[in-house]
Amino acid sequence: MSKLRVLVFVVLAATAMFCQDVQTGPEKYSAVAIGTGGSAGGKSVNFNFNIDRYTTDEEVQQLATLLKTKGQDALVSKMEKLNCGRIYPVTSTGNEISVARKRMVDGQTVITIVTARRMSFAELNSGSRSKDYPFGYLQVKLNDKGEGSGQIMVAAKIRFDKKKGNYEIESYGNQYIKAINVRPSK
């Protein structure tokens, strides 16, 4: 299968995207992205993410409504103007974080980050399907010390399925990328 699909159903979307339990910031974390399969298998990259502020419930509701009514392109345009922090490999400037959410689930802190990812000129000019996947996604689960692991989608698309009445996030290709050794940094 050339593409991994992850469906975020209404219940999951409501808890992951609309329920903000914890409002704090700024926070800094370091981690390692490691490919666990596909073409990224065995490769690793150190990265950091700094959260300056968390996205409010009202802001998320506005973004969800924008996606539902005007589609992914309108959502990308709006998210390119938002800045909640930065996620970046240690050798790069990375991307601004457009949406950052933090909540408590079963005694763990769950941080979800979505970016409007930067695309190279070559990617945009080549006509590759990857340009239809304009978002980056990271979700980590942390213990009471702020340490944990998570899942990364380097390139994703987000849409609202009107027939099913739910939001979907789809990863480009077989992205088996884990975030490991997530920990607070100074």
N, C-alpha and C. Protein backbone atom coordinates (compact mmCIF):
# COMPACT_ATOMS: atom_id res chain seq x y z
N MET A 1 0.84 -1.17 0.00
CA MET A 1 0.00 0.00 0.00
C MET A 1 0.89 1.24 0.00
N SER A 2 0.66 2.16 -0.93
CA SER A 2 1.54 3.32 -1.07
C SER A 2 1.17 4.46 -0.14
N LYS A 3 0.06 4.36 0.53
CA LYS A 3 -0.28 5.47 1.40
C LYS A 3 -0.94 4.96 2.67
N LEU A 4 -0.52 5.55 3.76
CA LEU A 4 -1.04 5.20 5.06
C LEU A 4 -2.14 6.18 5.40
N ARG A 5 -3.34 5.66 5.68
CA ARG A 5 -4.46 6.54 6.01
C ARG A 5 -4.79 6.43 7.47
N VAL A 6 -4.89 7.55 8.09
CA VAL A 6 -5.29 7.59 9.47
C VAL A 6 -6.56 8.43 9.53
N LEU A 7 -7.65 7.82 9.94
CA LEU A 7 -8.91 8.55 10.04
C LEU A 7 -9.07 9.10 11.45
N VAL A 8 -9.38 10.36 11.51
CA VAL A 8 -9.65 10.97 12.80
C VAL A 8 -11.16 11.21 12.84
N PHE A 9 -11.86 10.34 13.56
CA PHE A 9 -13.31 10.40 13.61
C PHE A 9 -13.79 11.53 14.51
N VAL A 10 -15.05 11.84 14.43
CA VAL A 10 -15.61 12.98 15.15
C VAL A 10 -15.27 12.94 16.63
N VAL A 11 -15.38 11.79 17.26
CA VAL A 11 -15.07 11.71 18.69
C VAL A 11 -13.61 12.01 18.94
N LEU A 12 -12.71 11.42 18.12
CA LEU A 12 -11.29 11.68 18.29
C LEU A 12 -10.96 13.13 17.95
N ALA A 13 -11.58 13.65 16.91
CA ALA A 13 -11.33 15.03 16.54
C ALA A 13 -11.77 15.97 17.65
N ALA A 14 -12.88 15.65 18.25
CA ALA A 14 -13.38 16.50 19.33
C ALA A 14 -12.42 16.49 20.51
N THR A 15 -11.90 15.33 20.87
CA THR A 15 -11.00 15.30 22.01
C THR A 15 -9.61 15.81 21.65
N ALA A 16 -9.12 15.43 20.49
CA ALA A 16 -7.75 15.81 20.12
C ALA A 16 -7.66 17.26 19.66
N MET A 17 -8.67 17.75 18.98
CA MET A 17 -8.57 19.08 18.40
C MET A 17 -9.32 20.15 19.18
N PHE A 18 -10.38 19.78 19.90
CA PHE A 18 -11.22 20.80 20.49
C PHE A 18 -11.18 20.87 22.01
N CYS A 19 -10.59 19.91 22.68
CA CYS A 19 -10.56 19.92 24.14
C CYS A 19 -9.19 20.34 24.63
N GLN A 20 -9.08 21.54 25.11
CA GLN A 20 -7.82 22.06 25.62
C GLN A 20 -7.90 22.07 27.13
N ASP A 21 -7.20 21.13 27.77
CA ASP A 21 -7.24 21.03 29.22
C ASP A 21 -6.19 21.89 29.90
N VAL A 22 -5.05 22.11 29.26
CA VAL A 22 -3.92 22.76 29.90
C VAL A 22 -3.49 23.95 29.06
N GLN A 23 -3.41 25.12 29.66
CA GLN A 23 -2.95 26.32 28.97
C GLN A 23 -1.64 26.78 29.61
N THR A 24 -0.52 26.50 28.98
CA THR A 24 0.77 26.94 29.48
C THR A 24 1.67 27.31 28.32
N GLY A 25 2.84 27.78 28.62
CA GLY A 25 3.84 28.09 27.62
C GLY A 25 4.76 29.13 28.18
N PRO A 26 5.92 29.41 27.65
CA PRO A 26 6.56 28.64 26.59
C PRO A 26 7.19 27.35 27.13
N GLU A 27 7.34 26.40 26.25
CA GLU A 27 7.93 25.10 26.58
C GLU A 27 8.88 24.71 25.47
N LYS A 28 9.95 24.00 25.86
CA LYS A 28 10.94 23.53 24.88
C LYS A 28 11.18 22.05 25.10
N TYR A 29 11.26 21.31 23.98
CA TYR A 29 11.50 19.87 24.02
C TYR A 29 12.53 19.50 22.98
N SER A 30 13.27 18.45 23.25
CA SER A 30 14.15 17.84 22.26
C SER A 30 13.72 16.39 22.09
N ALA A 31 14.02 15.82 20.92
CA ALA A 31 13.59 14.45 20.62
C ALA A 31 14.41 13.90 19.47
N VAL A 32 14.16 12.65 19.15
CA VAL A 32 14.78 11.99 18.01
C VAL A 32 13.66 11.43 17.14
N ALA A 33 13.70 11.76 15.84
CA ALA A 33 12.78 11.16 14.88
C ALA A 33 13.49 9.96 14.28
N ILE A 34 12.82 8.81 14.32
CA ILE A 34 13.45 7.60 13.79
C ILE A 34 12.47 6.90 12.85
N GLY A 35 12.99 6.57 11.67
CA GLY A 35 12.20 5.83 10.70
C GLY A 35 12.16 4.36 11.09
N THR A 36 10.97 3.80 11.14
CA THR A 36 10.83 2.40 11.55
C THR A 36 10.42 1.50 10.40
N GLY A 37 10.35 2.02 9.20
CA GLY A 37 9.99 1.21 8.04
C GLY A 37 10.00 2.05 6.78
N GLY A 38 9.76 1.42 5.68
CA GLY A 38 9.75 2.12 4.40
C GLY A 38 11.11 2.69 4.07
N SER A 39 11.14 3.73 3.24
CA SER A 39 12.41 4.32 2.81
C SER A 39 13.14 5.03 3.94
N ALA A 40 12.43 5.37 5.01
CA ALA A 40 13.06 6.05 6.15
C ALA A 40 13.57 5.07 7.20
N GLY A 41 13.39 3.79 6.98
CA GLY A 41 13.76 2.77 7.96
C GLY A 41 15.20 2.88 8.41
N GLY A 42 15.41 2.95 9.72
CA GLY A 42 16.74 3.00 10.28
C GLY A 42 17.39 4.36 10.32
N LYS A 43 16.78 5.36 9.72
CA LYS A 43 17.35 6.70 9.73
C LYS A 43 16.83 7.47 10.94
N SER A 44 17.69 8.33 11.49
CA SER A 44 17.25 9.13 12.63
C SER A 44 17.73 10.56 12.49
N VAL A 45 16.97 11.48 13.11
CA VAL A 45 17.28 12.90 13.08
C VAL A 45 16.92 13.48 14.44
N ASN A 46 17.85 14.21 15.04
CA ASN A 46 17.54 14.94 16.27
C ASN A 46 16.73 16.17 15.90
N PHE A 47 15.71 16.47 16.69
CA PHE A 47 14.92 17.67 16.44
C PHE A 47 14.46 18.28 17.75
N ASN A 48 14.03 19.53 17.64
CA ASN A 48 13.51 20.28 18.79
C ASN A 48 12.16 20.86 18.42
N PHE A 49 11.34 21.08 19.43
CA PHE A 49 10.15 21.88 19.22
C PHE A 49 9.95 22.79 20.41
N ASN A 50 9.70 24.05 20.09
CA ASN A 50 9.49 25.09 21.09
C ASN A 50 8.08 25.61 20.94
N ILE A 51 7.33 25.58 22.01
CA ILE A 51 5.95 26.05 21.99
C ILE A 51 5.89 27.35 22.78
N ASP A 52 5.56 28.43 22.10
CA ASP A 52 5.46 29.75 22.73
C ASP A 52 4.08 29.97 23.34
N ARG A 53 3.08 29.38 22.70
CA ARG A 53 1.71 29.49 23.21
C ARG A 53 0.89 28.34 22.66
N TYR A 54 -0.19 28.03 23.33
CA TYR A 54 -1.09 26.99 22.85
C TYR A 54 -2.30 27.63 22.18
N THR A 55 -2.78 26.97 21.15
CA THR A 55 -3.92 27.42 20.38
C THR A 55 -5.18 27.31 21.24
N THR A 56 -6.01 28.34 21.21
CA THR A 56 -7.22 28.36 22.02
C THR A 56 -8.32 27.52 21.36
N ASP A 57 -9.33 27.17 22.16
CA ASP A 57 -10.48 26.44 21.63
C ASP A 57 -11.16 27.23 20.52
N GLU A 58 -11.27 28.53 20.71
CA GLU A 58 -11.91 29.39 19.71
C GLU A 58 -11.14 29.36 18.39
N GLU A 59 -9.81 29.44 18.46
CA GLU A 59 -8.99 29.41 17.25
C GLU A 59 -9.13 28.08 16.52
N VAL A 60 -9.15 26.98 17.26
CA VAL A 60 -9.30 25.67 16.65
C VAL A 60 -10.67 25.54 15.99
N GLN A 61 -11.70 26.04 16.66
CA GLN A 61 -13.04 25.99 16.08
C GLN A 61 -13.10 26.77 14.77
N GLN A 62 -12.43 27.93 14.73
CA GLN A 62 -12.40 28.72 13.50
C GLN A 62 -11.68 27.97 12.38
N LEU A 63 -10.58 27.30 12.71
CA LEU A 63 -9.84 26.53 11.70
C LEU A 63 -10.67 25.34 11.21
N ALA A 64 -11.37 24.67 12.11
CA ALA A 64 -12.21 23.53 11.73
C ALA A 64 -13.35 23.97 10.82
N THR A 65 -13.93 25.10 11.14
CA THR A 65 -15.02 25.65 10.31
C THR A 65 -14.48 26.04 8.94
N LEU A 66 -13.30 26.65 8.91
CA LEU A 66 -12.68 27.04 7.64
C LEU A 66 -12.43 25.81 6.77
N LEU A 67 -11.89 24.76 7.34
CA LEU A 67 -11.65 23.53 6.59
C LEU A 67 -12.96 22.95 6.08
N LYS A 68 -13.95 22.91 6.91
CA LYS A 68 -15.25 22.32 6.55
C LYS A 68 -15.94 23.11 5.44
N THR A 69 -15.85 24.43 5.48
CA THR A 69 -16.59 25.25 4.52
C THR A 69 -15.80 25.61 3.27
N LYS A 70 -14.46 25.80 3.40
CA LYS A 70 -13.68 26.28 2.26
C LYS A 70 -12.58 25.33 1.81
N GLY A 71 -12.31 24.28 2.59
CA GLY A 71 -11.35 23.27 2.15
C GLY A 71 -9.93 23.48 2.62
N GLN A 72 -9.09 22.53 2.21
CA GLN A 72 -7.70 22.48 2.66
C GLN A 72 -6.87 23.68 2.23
N ASP A 73 -7.05 24.17 1.01
CA ASP A 73 -6.25 25.31 0.55
C ASP A 73 -6.47 26.55 1.41
N ALA A 74 -7.72 26.80 1.78
CA ALA A 74 -8.01 27.95 2.65
C ALA A 74 -7.40 27.73 4.03
N LEU A 75 -7.42 26.49 4.51
CA LEU A 75 -6.82 26.18 5.81
C LEU A 75 -5.31 26.42 5.78
N VAL A 76 -4.65 25.99 4.70
CA VAL A 76 -3.21 26.21 4.57
C VAL A 76 -2.90 27.70 4.60
N SER A 77 -3.65 28.49 3.84
CA SER A 77 -3.41 29.95 3.79
C SER A 77 -3.53 30.57 5.17
N LYS A 78 -4.52 30.16 5.92
CA LYS A 78 -4.71 30.70 7.27
C LYS A 78 -3.60 30.23 8.21
N MET A 79 -3.25 28.94 8.13
CA MET A 79 -2.25 28.39 9.03
C MET A 79 -0.85 28.95 8.77
N GLU A 80 -0.58 29.36 7.54
CA GLU A 80 0.72 29.97 7.23
C GLU A 80 0.93 31.28 7.97
N LYS A 81 -0.15 31.88 8.45
CA LYS A 81 -0.08 33.16 9.16
C LYS A 81 -0.03 32.98 10.68
N LEU A 82 -0.18 31.75 11.16
CA LEU A 82 -0.22 31.49 12.60
C LEU A 82 1.17 31.09 13.10
N ASN A 83 1.46 31.46 14.34
CA ASN A 83 2.76 31.11 14.91
C ASN A 83 2.61 30.82 16.40
N CYS A 84 2.73 29.54 16.75
CA CYS A 84 2.68 29.12 18.15
C CYS A 84 4.04 28.64 18.63
N GLY A 85 5.04 28.70 17.77
CA GLY A 85 6.37 28.23 18.12
C GLY A 85 7.09 27.73 16.89
N ARG A 86 8.03 26.79 17.09
CA ARG A 86 8.83 26.28 15.97
C ARG A 86 9.20 24.83 16.23
N ILE A 87 9.18 24.04 15.15
CA ILE A 87 9.67 22.66 15.17
C ILE A 87 10.78 22.58 14.12
N TYR A 88 11.93 21.98 14.53
CA TYR A 88 13.05 22.02 13.59
C TYR A 88 14.08 20.93 13.88
N PRO A 89 14.63 20.35 12.80
CA PRO A 89 15.80 19.48 12.97
C PRO A 89 16.94 20.36 13.48
N VAL A 90 17.87 19.80 14.23
CA VAL A 90 18.93 20.62 14.81
C VAL A 90 19.79 21.31 13.76
N THR A 91 19.75 20.87 12.51
CA THR A 91 20.56 21.47 11.46
C THR A 91 19.77 22.41 10.55
N SER A 92 18.55 22.78 10.94
CA SER A 92 17.69 23.56 10.07
C SER A 92 16.85 24.55 10.87
N THR A 93 16.23 25.49 10.16
CA THR A 93 15.31 26.42 10.82
C THR A 93 13.92 25.83 10.97
N GLY A 94 13.59 24.79 10.20
CA GLY A 94 12.33 24.08 10.36
C GLY A 94 11.11 24.88 9.95
N ASN A 95 10.01 24.61 10.65
CA ASN A 95 8.71 25.22 10.35
C ASN A 95 8.13 25.89 11.58
N GLU A 96 7.35 26.94 11.34
CA GLU A 96 6.57 27.52 12.42
C GLU A 96 5.45 26.55 12.76
N ILE A 97 5.13 26.47 14.02
CA ILE A 97 4.00 25.66 14.47
C ILE A 97 2.75 26.51 14.31
N SER A 98 1.78 26.00 13.57
CA SER A 98 0.53 26.73 13.35
C SER A 98 -0.47 26.45 14.46
N VAL A 99 -0.54 25.20 14.89
CA VAL A 99 -1.48 24.79 15.93
C VAL A 99 -0.72 23.95 16.95
N ALA A 100 -0.87 24.29 18.22
CA ALA A 100 -0.29 23.51 19.31
C ALA A 100 -1.38 23.32 20.36
N ARG A 101 -1.62 22.06 20.71
CA ARG A 101 -2.66 21.73 21.70
C ARG A 101 -2.05 20.85 22.78
N LYS A 102 -2.54 21.02 23.99
CA LYS A 102 -2.04 20.23 25.11
C LYS A 102 -3.23 19.82 25.96
N ARG A 103 -3.27 18.53 26.32
CA ARG A 103 -4.36 18.02 27.15
C ARG A 103 -3.85 16.85 27.98
N MET A 104 -4.61 16.51 28.99
CA MET A 104 -4.29 15.37 29.84
C MET A 104 -5.22 14.21 29.47
N VAL A 105 -4.63 13.02 29.27
CA VAL A 105 -5.40 11.81 28.95
C VAL A 105 -4.82 10.66 29.75
N ASP A 106 -5.61 10.07 30.60
CA ASP A 106 -5.19 8.92 31.39
C ASP A 106 -3.85 9.14 32.09
N GLY A 107 -3.69 10.30 32.70
CA GLY A 107 -2.48 10.60 33.45
C GLY A 107 -1.27 10.99 32.61
N GLN A 108 -1.44 11.06 31.29
CA GLN A 108 -0.34 11.49 30.42
C GLN A 108 -0.68 12.83 29.78
N THR A 109 0.37 13.61 29.53
CA THR A 109 0.20 14.86 28.80
C THR A 109 0.34 14.55 27.31
N VAL A 110 -0.64 14.97 26.52
CA VAL A 110 -0.61 14.76 25.08
C VAL A 110 -0.47 16.12 24.41
N ILE A 111 0.60 16.27 23.64
CA ILE A 111 0.83 17.50 22.88
C ILE A 111 0.67 17.16 21.40
N THR A 112 -0.17 17.93 20.72
CA THR A 112 -0.39 17.75 19.29
C THR A 112 0.01 19.04 18.58
N ILE A 113 0.81 18.89 17.54
CA ILE A 113 1.32 20.03 16.77
C ILE A 113 0.98 19.81 15.30
N VAL A 114 0.52 20.88 14.63
CA VAL A 114 0.29 20.85 13.19
C VAL A 114 0.98 22.06 12.59
N THR A 115 1.68 21.83 11.49
CA THR A 115 2.36 22.91 10.78
C THR A 115 1.85 23.00 9.35
N ALA A 116 1.97 24.18 8.76
CA ALA A 116 1.84 24.34 7.32
C ALA A 116 3.27 24.19 6.83
N ARG A 117 3.60 23.01 6.30
CA ARG A 117 5.00 22.69 6.05
C ARG A 117 5.58 23.49 4.88
N ARG A 118 6.87 23.75 4.98
CA ARG A 118 7.59 24.41 3.90
C ARG A 118 7.92 23.38 2.83
N MET A 119 7.73 23.79 1.60
CA MET A 119 8.06 22.90 0.48
C MET A 119 9.14 23.57 -0.36
N SER A 120 10.07 22.77 -0.82
CA SER A 120 11.15 23.30 -1.65
C SER A 120 10.62 23.68 -3.03
N PHE A 121 11.37 24.53 -3.71
CA PHE A 121 11.01 24.90 -5.07
C PHE A 121 10.94 23.66 -5.96
N ALA A 122 11.90 22.75 -5.78
CA ALA A 122 11.93 21.53 -6.58
C ALA A 122 10.66 20.71 -6.37
N GLU A 123 10.20 20.61 -5.13
CA GLU A 123 8.98 19.85 -4.85
C GLU A 123 7.77 20.51 -5.50
N LEU A 124 7.68 21.83 -5.37
CA LEU A 124 6.55 22.54 -5.94
C LEU A 124 6.57 22.52 -7.47
N ASN A 125 7.77 22.59 -8.07
CA ASN A 125 7.91 22.67 -9.51
C ASN A 125 7.78 21.31 -10.19
N SER A 126 8.04 20.23 -9.47
CA SER A 126 8.07 18.91 -10.09
C SER A 126 6.69 18.33 -10.39
N GLY A 127 5.66 18.90 -9.79
CA GLY A 127 4.33 18.35 -10.00
C GLY A 127 4.09 17.10 -9.17
N SER A 128 4.93 16.87 -8.19
CA SER A 128 4.81 15.69 -7.33
C SER A 128 3.51 15.72 -6.53
N ARG A 129 2.99 14.53 -6.25
CA ARG A 129 1.79 14.41 -5.43
C ARG A 129 2.01 14.93 -4.02
N SER A 130 3.26 14.97 -3.57
CA SER A 130 3.55 15.40 -2.21
C SER A 130 3.08 16.82 -1.92
N LYS A 131 2.98 17.65 -2.95
CA LYS A 131 2.54 19.02 -2.70
C LYS A 131 1.06 19.09 -2.31
N ASP A 132 0.33 17.99 -2.49
CA ASP A 132 -1.06 17.92 -2.04
C ASP A 132 -1.16 17.58 -0.55
N TYR A 133 0.00 17.43 0.09
CA TYR A 133 0.09 17.09 1.51
C TYR A 133 0.85 18.21 2.23
N PRO A 134 0.19 19.36 2.45
CA PRO A 134 0.88 20.57 2.90
C PRO A 134 1.07 20.72 4.41
N PHE A 135 0.73 19.70 5.18
CA PHE A 135 0.82 19.82 6.63
C PHE A 135 1.85 18.87 7.21
N GLY A 136 2.41 19.25 8.33
CA GLY A 136 3.22 18.37 9.15
C GLY A 136 2.45 18.13 10.44
N TYR A 137 2.67 16.96 11.05
CA TYR A 137 1.90 16.58 12.24
C TYR A 137 2.81 15.86 13.22
N LEU A 138 2.71 16.21 14.47
CA LEU A 138 3.44 15.54 15.55
C LEU A 138 2.50 15.41 16.73
N GLN A 139 2.45 14.22 17.29
CA GLN A 139 1.73 14.03 18.54
C GLN A 139 2.61 13.23 19.48
N VAL A 140 2.82 13.75 20.69
CA VAL A 140 3.64 13.07 21.69
C VAL A 140 2.83 12.87 22.96
N LYS A 141 3.15 11.78 23.65
CA LYS A 141 2.55 11.49 24.96
C LYS A 141 3.68 11.50 25.98
N LEU A 142 3.50 12.31 27.03
CA LEU A 142 4.56 12.55 28.00
C LEU A 142 4.13 12.11 29.40
N ASN A 143 5.07 11.59 30.16
CA ASN A 143 4.80 11.22 31.54
C ASN A 143 4.90 12.46 32.44
N ASP A 144 4.84 12.27 33.75
CA ASP A 144 4.87 13.40 34.68
C ASP A 144 6.21 14.12 34.71
N LYS A 145 7.26 13.54 34.16
CA LYS A 145 8.57 14.20 34.05
C LYS A 145 8.72 14.96 32.72
N GLY A 146 7.69 14.87 31.86
CA GLY A 146 7.76 15.52 30.56
C GLY A 146 8.50 14.71 29.52
N GLU A 147 8.67 13.41 29.77
CA GLU A 147 9.39 12.53 28.85
C GLU A 147 8.41 11.57 28.19
N GLY A 148 8.72 11.19 26.94
CA GLY A 148 7.82 10.26 26.28
C GLY A 148 8.20 10.00 24.84
N SER A 149 7.18 9.68 24.04
CA SER A 149 7.38 9.34 22.64
C SER A 149 6.12 9.72 21.86
N GLY A 150 6.19 9.54 20.53
CA GLY A 150 5.03 9.91 19.72
C GLY A 150 5.16 9.49 18.27
N GLN A 151 4.33 10.08 17.45
CA GLN A 151 4.21 9.76 16.03
C GLN A 151 4.35 11.02 15.20
N ILE A 152 5.01 10.90 14.06
CA ILE A 152 5.24 12.04 13.16
C ILE A 152 4.69 11.72 11.78
N MET A 153 4.05 12.71 11.17
CA MET A 153 3.71 12.68 9.75
C MET A 153 4.39 13.90 9.14
N VAL A 154 5.39 13.67 8.31
CA VAL A 154 6.15 14.76 7.71
C VAL A 154 5.30 15.51 6.68
N ALA A 155 4.47 14.78 5.95
CA ALA A 155 3.60 15.38 4.95
C ALA A 155 2.22 14.74 5.07
N ALA A 156 1.21 15.59 5.29
CA ALA A 156 -0.15 15.08 5.49
C ALA A 156 -1.16 16.02 4.84
N LYS A 157 -2.33 15.51 4.58
CA LYS A 157 -3.44 16.35 4.15
C LYS A 157 -4.54 16.19 5.18
N ILE A 158 -5.33 17.24 5.33
CA ILE A 158 -6.44 17.23 6.27
C ILE A 158 -7.69 17.63 5.50
N ARG A 159 -8.76 16.90 5.74
CA ARG A 159 -10.02 17.23 5.05
C ARG A 159 -11.21 16.87 5.93
N PHE A 160 -12.34 17.43 5.56
CA PHE A 160 -13.60 17.09 6.22
C PHE A 160 -14.40 16.24 5.26
N ASP A 161 -14.76 15.03 5.67
CA ASP A 161 -15.56 14.12 4.86
C ASP A 161 -17.03 14.41 5.16
N LYS A 162 -17.69 15.07 4.23
CA LYS A 162 -19.09 15.47 4.43
C LYS A 162 -20.02 14.28 4.55
N LYS A 163 -19.74 13.21 3.81
CA LYS A 163 -20.60 12.01 3.87
C LYS A 163 -20.53 11.34 5.23
N LYS A 164 -19.33 11.24 5.79
CA LYS A 164 -19.14 10.57 7.08
C LYS A 164 -19.28 11.53 8.25
N GLY A 165 -19.17 12.83 7.97
CA GLY A 165 -19.27 13.82 9.03
C GLY A 165 -18.08 13.84 9.97
N ASN A 166 -16.88 13.56 9.42
CA ASN A 166 -15.70 13.56 10.29
C ASN A 166 -14.50 14.20 9.58
N TYR A 167 -13.50 14.53 10.40
CA TYR A 167 -12.25 15.06 9.89
C TYR A 167 -11.29 13.90 9.68
N GLU A 168 -10.49 13.98 8.61
CA GLU A 168 -9.53 12.93 8.30
C GLU A 168 -8.16 13.56 8.11
N ILE A 169 -7.16 12.86 8.57
CA ILE A 169 -5.80 13.24 8.29
C ILE A 169 -5.15 12.06 7.59
N GLU A 170 -4.52 12.33 6.46
CA GLU A 170 -3.92 11.28 5.63
C GLU A 170 -2.44 11.57 5.46
N SER A 171 -1.63 10.59 5.72
CA SER A 171 -0.19 10.70 5.58
C SER A 171 0.23 10.40 4.14
N TYR A 172 1.21 11.14 3.64
CA TYR A 172 1.75 10.89 2.31
C TYR A 172 2.71 9.72 2.37
N GLY A 173 2.46 8.70 1.58
CA GLY A 173 3.36 7.55 1.51
C GLY A 173 3.34 6.74 2.79
N ASN A 174 4.28 5.84 2.88
CA ASN A 174 4.41 4.99 4.06
C ASN A 174 5.33 5.65 5.06
N GLN A 175 4.80 6.54 5.84
CA GLN A 175 5.59 7.27 6.82
C GLN A 175 5.52 6.54 8.16
N TYR A 176 6.52 5.79 8.46
CA TYR A 176 6.61 5.10 9.73
C TYR A 176 7.67 5.82 10.55
N ILE A 177 7.32 6.97 11.07
CA ILE A 177 8.29 7.79 11.79
C ILE A 177 7.81 7.97 13.22
N LYS A 178 8.67 7.61 14.14
CA LYS A 178 8.38 7.73 15.56
C LYS A 178 9.20 8.87 16.14
N ALA A 179 8.63 9.53 17.12
CA ALA A 179 9.37 10.49 17.93
C ALA A 179 9.73 9.77 19.22
N ILE A 180 11.02 9.62 19.48
CA ILE A 180 11.46 8.93 20.69
C ILE A 180 12.36 9.84 21.52
N ASN A 181 12.58 9.45 22.76
CA ASN A 181 13.42 10.24 23.67
C ASN A 181 12.98 11.70 23.76
N VAL A 182 11.66 11.91 23.73
CA VAL A 182 11.14 13.27 23.89
C VAL A 182 11.36 13.68 25.35
N ARG A 183 11.92 14.87 25.53
CA ARG A 183 12.20 15.33 26.89
C ARG A 183 12.27 16.86 26.90
N PRO A 184 11.99 17.45 28.06
CA PRO A 184 12.10 18.92 28.16
C PRO A 184 13.56 19.34 27.94
N SER A 185 13.75 20.50 27.35
CA SER A 185 15.10 21.04 27.17
C SER A 185 15.11 22.47 27.68
N LYS A 186 16.28 22.97 27.91
CA LYS A 186 16.41 24.33 28.45
C LYS A 186 16.89 25.29 27.41
